[in-house]
Amino acid sequence: MLQVGEAAARRARYEGKTEEGGVAAGQVSGLIKSVKPAGDMVQDIVAEAALGLEKGLCTR
């Protein structure tokens, strides 16, 4: 059963007991458009950085 209150929220946040209390996600959660594996995210970041280097948008 989901509980409410500060103690339940603390257990959810710090002890991982999300079945006992809610965890705030914040407004940023509305900006998430997809969920990718970490490896895919790293590949995307490296490719974007390489493109920026090629175009002279950033330096080494």
PDB file of N, CA and C in Angstrom:
ATOM      1  N   MET A   1       0.843  -1.173   0.000  1.00  0.00           N
ATOM      2  CA  MET A   1       0.000   0.000   0.000  1.00  0.00           C
ATOM      3  C   MET A   1       0.890   1.239   0.000  1.00  0.00           C
ATOM      4  N   LEU A   2       0.598   2.179  -0.860  1.00  0.00           N
ATOM      5  CA  LEU A   2       1.348   3.428  -0.941  1.00  0.00           C
ATOM      6  C   LEU A   2       1.014   4.302   0.255  1.00  0.00           C
ATOM      7  N   GLN A   3       2.058   4.737   0.936  1.00  0.00           N
ATOM      8  CA  GLN A   3       1.873   5.601   2.096  1.00  0.00           C
ATOM      9  C   GLN A   3       2.230   7.025   1.704  1.00  0.00           C
ATOM     10  N   VAL A   4       1.776   7.969   2.481  1.00  0.00           N
ATOM     11  CA  VAL A   4       2.094   9.366   2.232  1.00  0.00           C
ATOM     12  C   VAL A   4       2.801   9.947   3.443  1.00  0.00           C
ATOM     13  N   GLY A   5       3.461  11.056   3.227  1.00  0.00           N
ATOM     14  CA  GLY A   5       4.130  11.734   4.328  1.00  0.00           C
ATOM     15  C   GLY A   5       5.637  11.720   4.167  1.00  0.00           C
ATOM     16  N   GLU A   6       6.279  12.490   5.008  1.00  0.00           N
ATOM     17  CA  GLU A   6       7.731  12.660   4.924  1.00  0.00           C
ATOM     18  C   GLU A   6       8.484  11.358   5.146  1.00  0.00           C
ATOM     19  N   ALA A   7       8.069  10.567   6.113  1.00  0.00           N
ATOM     20  CA  ALA A   7       8.778   9.315   6.407  1.00  0.00           C
ATOM     21  C   ALA A   7       8.697   8.343   5.228  1.00  0.00           C
ATOM     22  N   ALA A   8       7.532   8.235   4.601  1.00  0.00           N
ATOM     23  CA  ALA A   8       7.364   7.343   3.455  1.00  0.00           C
ATOM     24  C   ALA A   8       8.201   7.828   2.280  1.00  0.00           C
ATOM     25  N   ALA A   9       8.222   9.138   2.056  1.00  0.00           N
ATOM     26  CA  ALA A   9       9.025   9.699   0.968  1.00  0.00           C
ATOM     27  C   ALA A   9      10.510   9.454   1.218  1.00  0.00           C
ATOM     28  N   ARG A  10      10.946   9.574   2.438  1.00  0.00           N
ATOM     29  CA  ARG A  10      12.344   9.332   2.786  1.00  0.00           C
ATOM     30  C   ARG A  10      12.723   7.873   2.532  1.00  0.00           C
ATOM     31  N   ARG A  11      11.853   6.943   2.922  1.00  0.00           N
ATOM     32  CA  ARG A  11      12.123   5.520   2.670  1.00  0.00           C
ATOM     33  C   ARG A  11      12.210   5.244   1.166  1.00  0.00           C
ATOM     34  N   ALA A  12      11.337   5.875   0.397  1.00  0.00           N
ATOM     35  CA  ALA A  12      11.352   5.675  -1.051  1.00  0.00           C
ATOM     36  C   ALA A  12      12.645   6.215  -1.662  1.00  0.00           C
ATOM     37  N   ARG A  13      13.044   7.421  -1.258  1.00  0.00           N
ATOM     38  CA  ARG A  13      14.242   8.055  -1.821  1.00  0.00           C
ATOM     39  C   ARG A  13      15.538   7.385  -1.404  1.00  0.00           C
ATOM     40  N   TYR A  14      15.712   7.163  -0.129  1.00  0.00           N
ATOM     41  CA  TYR A  14      16.998   6.739   0.397  1.00  0.00           C
ATOM     42  C   TYR A  14      17.146   5.239   0.602  1.00  0.00           C
ATOM     43  N   GLU A  15      16.030   4.533   0.722  1.00  0.00           N
ATOM     44  CA  GLU A  15      16.101   3.089   0.932  1.00  0.00           C
ATOM     45  C   GLU A  15      15.581   2.312  -0.276  1.00  0.00           C
ATOM     46  N   GLY A  16      15.095   3.025  -1.290  1.00  0.00           N
ATOM     47  CA  GLY A  16      14.606   2.370  -2.492  1.00  0.00           C
ATOM     48  C   GLY A  16      13.255   1.699  -2.333  1.00  0.00           C
ATOM     49  N   LYS A  17      12.542   1.991  -1.265  1.00  0.00           N
ATOM     50  CA  LYS A  17      11.249   1.358  -1.011  1.00  0.00           C
ATOM     51  C   LYS A  17      10.132   2.163  -1.685  1.00  0.00           C
ATOM     52  N   THR A  18      10.164   2.166  -3.025  1.00  0.00           N
ATOM     53  CA  THR A  18       9.206   2.971  -3.783  1.00  0.00           C
ATOM     54  C   THR A  18       7.776   2.450  -3.679  1.00  0.00           C
ATOM     55  N   GLU A  19       7.621   1.198  -3.244  1.00  0.00           N
ATOM     56  CA  GLU A  19       6.267   0.677  -3.056  1.00  0.00           C
ATOM     57  C   GLU A  19       5.616   1.268  -1.808  1.00  0.00           C
ATOM     58  N   GLU A  20       6.416   1.904  -0.970  1.00  0.00           N
ATOM     59  CA  GLU A  20       5.897   2.482   0.272  1.00  0.00           C
ATOM     60  C   GLU A  20       5.651   3.983   0.192  1.00  0.00           C
ATOM     61  N   GLY A  21       6.314   4.644  -0.735  1.00  0.00           N
ATOM     62  CA  GLY A  21       6.156   6.097  -0.823  1.00  0.00           C
ATOM     63  C   GLY A  21       6.532   6.605  -2.191  1.00  0.00           C
ATOM     64  N   GLY A  22       6.064   7.763  -2.533  1.00  0.00           N
ATOM     65  CA  GLY A  22       6.318   8.341  -3.837  1.00  0.00           C
ATOM     66  C   GLY A  22       7.678   9.003  -3.918  1.00  0.00           C
ATOM     67  N   VAL A  23       8.188   9.105  -5.145  1.00  0.00           N
ATOM     68  CA  VAL A  23       9.449   9.778  -5.410  1.00  0.00           C
ATOM     69  C   VAL A  23       9.165  10.920  -6.383  1.00  0.00           C
ATOM     70  N   ALA A  24       9.553  12.125  -6.015  1.00  0.00           N
ATOM     71  CA  ALA A  24       9.322  13.279  -6.880  1.00  0.00           C
ATOM     72  C   ALA A  24      10.192  13.174  -8.126  1.00  0.00           C
ATOM     73  N   ALA A  25       9.598  13.445  -9.285  1.00  0.00           N
ATOM     74  CA  ALA A  25      10.338  13.393 -10.543  1.00  0.00           C
ATOM     75  C   ALA A  25      10.651  14.791 -11.052  1.00  0.00           C
ATOM     76  N   GLY A  26       9.883  15.767 -10.655  1.00  0.00           N
ATOM     77  CA  GLY A  26      10.142  17.130 -11.075  1.00  0.00           C
ATOM     78  C   GLY A  26       9.628  17.435 -12.470  1.00  0.00           C
ATOM     79  N   GLN A  27       9.734  18.687 -12.843  1.00  0.00           N
ATOM     80  CA  GLN A  27       9.217  19.141 -14.126  1.00  0.00           C
ATOM     81  C   GLN A  27      10.033  18.630 -15.301  1.00  0.00           C
ATOM     82  N   VAL A  28      11.299  18.312 -15.060  1.00  0.00           N
ATOM     83  CA  VAL A  28      12.156  17.841 -16.141  1.00  0.00           C
ATOM     84  C   VAL A  28      11.660  16.521 -16.730  1.00  0.00           C
ATOM     85  N   SER A  29      10.909  15.750 -15.980  1.00  0.00           N
ATOM     86  CA  SER A  29      10.435  14.468 -16.484  1.00  0.00           C
ATOM     87  C   SER A  29       9.580  14.637 -17.740  1.00  0.00           C
ATOM     88  N   GLY A  30       8.980  15.791 -17.918  1.00  0.00           N
ATOM     89  CA  GLY A  30       8.193  16.052 -19.125  1.00  0.00           C
ATOM     90  C   GLY A  30       9.041  16.253 -20.360  1.00  0.00           C
ATOM     91  N   LEU A  31      10.341  16.456 -20.186  1.00  0.00           N
ATOM     92  CA  LEU A  31      11.246  16.659 -21.314  1.00  0.00           C
ATOM     93  C   LEU A  31      11.829  15.365 -21.852  1.00  0.00           C
ATOM     94  N   ILE A  32      11.627  14.264 -21.157  1.00  0.00           N
ATOM     95  CA  ILE A  32      12.168  12.980 -21.596  1.00  0.00           C
ATOM     96  C   ILE A  32      11.323  12.466 -22.754  1.00  0.00           C
ATOM     97  N   LYS A  33      11.989  12.275 -23.902  1.00  0.00           N
ATOM     98  CA  LYS A  33      11.281  11.827 -25.107  1.00  0.00           C
ATOM     99  C   LYS A  33      11.523  10.359 -25.427  1.00  0.00           C
ATOM    100  N   SER A  34      12.627   9.803 -24.919  1.00  0.00           N
ATOM    101  CA  SER A  34      12.923   8.396 -25.180  1.00  0.00           C
ATOM    102  C   SER A  34      13.837   7.865 -24.086  1.00  0.00           C
ATOM    103  N   VAL A  35      13.908   6.555 -24.002  1.00  0.00           N
ATOM    104  CA  VAL A  35      14.801   5.888 -23.051  1.00  0.00           C
ATOM    105  C   VAL A  35      15.741   5.026 -23.882  1.00  0.00           C
ATOM    106  N   LYS A  36      17.053   5.277 -23.740  1.00  0.00           N
ATOM    107  CA  LYS A  36      18.049   4.553 -24.525  1.00  0.00           C
ATOM    108  C   LYS A  36      19.010   3.826 -23.587  1.00  0.00           C
ATOM    109  N   PRO A  37      19.611   2.756 -24.092  1.00  0.00           N
ATOM    110  CA  PRO A  37      20.681   2.122 -23.319  1.00  0.00           C
ATOM    111  C   PRO A  37      21.852   3.099 -23.168  1.00  0.00           C
ATOM    112  N   ALA A  38      22.592   2.984 -22.082  1.00  0.00           N
ATOM    113  CA  ALA A  38      23.706   3.896 -21.810  1.00  0.00           C
ATOM    114  C   ALA A  38      24.734   3.885 -22.933  1.00  0.00           C
ATOM    115  N   GLY A  39      25.029   2.734 -23.492  1.00  0.00           N
ATOM    116  CA  GLY A  39      26.005   2.646 -24.583  1.00  0.00           C
ATOM    117  C   GLY A  39      25.597   3.467 -25.783  1.00  0.00           C
ATOM    118  N   ASP A  40      24.309   3.449 -26.116  1.00  0.00           N
ATOM    119  CA  ASP A  40      23.806   4.249 -27.233  1.00  0.00           C
ATOM    120  C   ASP A  40      23.956   5.737 -26.943  1.00  0.00           C
ATOM    121  N   MET A  41      23.707   6.122 -25.705  1.00  0.00           N
ATOM    122  CA  MET A  41      23.836   7.529 -25.333  1.00  0.00           C
ATOM    123  C   MET A  41      25.290   7.987 -25.464  1.00  0.00           C
ATOM    124  N   VAL A  42      26.232   7.146 -25.025  1.00  0.00           N
ATOM    125  CA  VAL A  42      27.651   7.494 -25.126  1.00  0.00           C
ATOM    126  C   VAL A  42      28.056   7.628 -26.591  1.00  0.00           C
ATOM    127  N   GLN A  43      27.610   6.707 -27.437  1.00  0.00           N
ATOM    128  CA  GLN A  43      27.917   6.785 -28.868  1.00  0.00           C
ATOM    129  C   GLN A  43      27.380   8.080 -29.471  1.00  0.00           C
ATOM    130  N   ASP A  44      26.168   8.472 -29.092  1.00  0.00           N
ATOM    131  CA  ASP A  44      25.581   9.717 -29.592  1.00  0.00           C
ATOM    132  C   ASP A  44      26.398  10.931 -29.155  1.00  0.00           C
ATOM    133  N   ILE A  45      26.838  10.936 -27.907  1.00  0.00           N
ATOM    134  CA  ILE A  45      27.620  12.057 -27.378  1.00  0.00           C
ATOM    135  C   ILE A  45      28.959  12.154 -28.110  1.00  0.00           C
ATOM    136  N   VAL A  46      29.619  11.012 -28.317  1.00  0.00           N
ATOM    137  CA  VAL A  46      30.911  11.005 -29.008  1.00  0.00           C
ATOM    138  C   VAL A  46      30.737  11.475 -30.448  1.00  0.00           C
ATOM    139  N   ALA A  47      29.706  11.012 -31.127  1.00  0.00           N
ATOM    140  CA  ALA A  47      29.465  11.421 -32.511  1.00  0.00           C
ATOM    141  C   ALA A  47      29.187  12.916 -32.595  1.00  0.00           C
ATOM    142  N   GLU A  48      28.410  13.435 -31.664  1.00  0.00           N
ATOM    143  CA  GLU A  48      28.106  14.865 -31.651  1.00  0.00           C
ATOM    144  C   GLU A  48      29.359  15.697 -31.372  1.00  0.00           C
ATOM    145  N   ALA A  49      30.205  15.223 -30.468  1.00  0.00           N
ATOM    146  CA  ALA A  49      31.461  15.926 -30.170  1.00  0.00           C
ATOM    147  C   ALA A  49      32.389  15.911 -31.383  1.00  0.00           C
ATOM    148  N   ALA A  50      32.479  14.770 -32.064  1.00  0.00           N
ATOM    149  CA  ALA A  50      33.328  14.677 -33.254  1.00  0.00           C
ATOM    150  C   ALA A  50      32.845  15.641 -34.335  1.00  0.00           C
ATOM    151  N   LEU A  51      31.549  15.736 -34.512  1.00  0.00           N
ATOM    152  CA  LEU A  51      30.983  16.655 -35.503  1.00  0.00           C
ATOM    153  C   LEU A  51      31.308  18.104 -35.121  1.00  0.00           C
ATOM    154  N   GLY A  52      31.212  18.418 -33.851  1.00  0.00           N
ATOM    155  CA  GLY A  52      31.551  19.763 -33.390  1.00  0.00           C
ATOM    156  C   GLY A  52      33.010  20.097 -33.625  1.00  0.00           C
ATOM    157  N   LEU A  53      33.892  19.113 -33.414  1.00  0.00           N
ATOM    158  CA  LEU A  53      35.324  19.315 -33.677  1.00  0.00           C
ATOM    159  C   LEU A  53      35.580  19.536 -35.160  1.00  0.00           C
ATOM    160  N   GLU A  54      34.928  18.743 -36.004  1.00  0.00           N
ATOM    161  CA  GLU A  54      35.099  18.867 -37.453  1.00  0.00           C
ATOM    162  C   GLU A  54      34.663  20.231 -37.958  1.00  0.00           C
ATOM    163  N   LYS A  55      33.592  20.740 -37.390  1.00  0.00           N
ATOM    164  CA  LYS A  55      33.051  22.031 -37.842  1.00  0.00           C
ATOM    165  C   LYS A  55      33.721  23.216 -37.139  1.00  0.00           C
ATOM    166  N   GLY A  56      34.661  22.932 -36.241  1.00  0.00           N
ATOM    167  CA  GLY A  56      35.335  24.000 -35.528  1.00  0.00           C
ATOM    168  C   GLY A  56      34.480  24.677 -34.494  1.00  0.00           C
ATOM    169  N   LEU A  57      33.426  24.011 -34.041  1.00  0.00           N
ATOM    170  CA  LEU A  57      32.531  24.585 -33.045  1.00  0.00           C
ATOM    171  C   LEU A  57      33.090  24.464 -31.625  1.00  0.00           C
ATOM    172  N   CYS A  58      34.065  23.569 -31.465  1.00  0.00           N
ATOM    173  CA  CYS A  58      34.709  23.415 -30.166  1.00  0.00           C
ATOM    174  C   CYS A  58      36.166  23.039 -30.400  1.00  0.00           C
ATOM    175  N   THR A  59      36.959  23.156 -29.374  1.00  0.00           N
ATOM    176  CA  THR A  59      38.379  22.838 -29.497  1.00  0.00           C
ATOM    177  C   THR A  59      38.729  21.663 -28.606  1.00  0.00           C
ATOM    178  N   ARG A  60      39.851  21.065 -28.886  1.00  0.00           N
ATOM    179  CA  ARG A  60      40.291  19.903 -28.102  1.00  0.00           C
ATOM    180  C   ARG A  60      40.824  20.288 -26.763  1.00  0.00           C
TER     181      ARG A  60
END
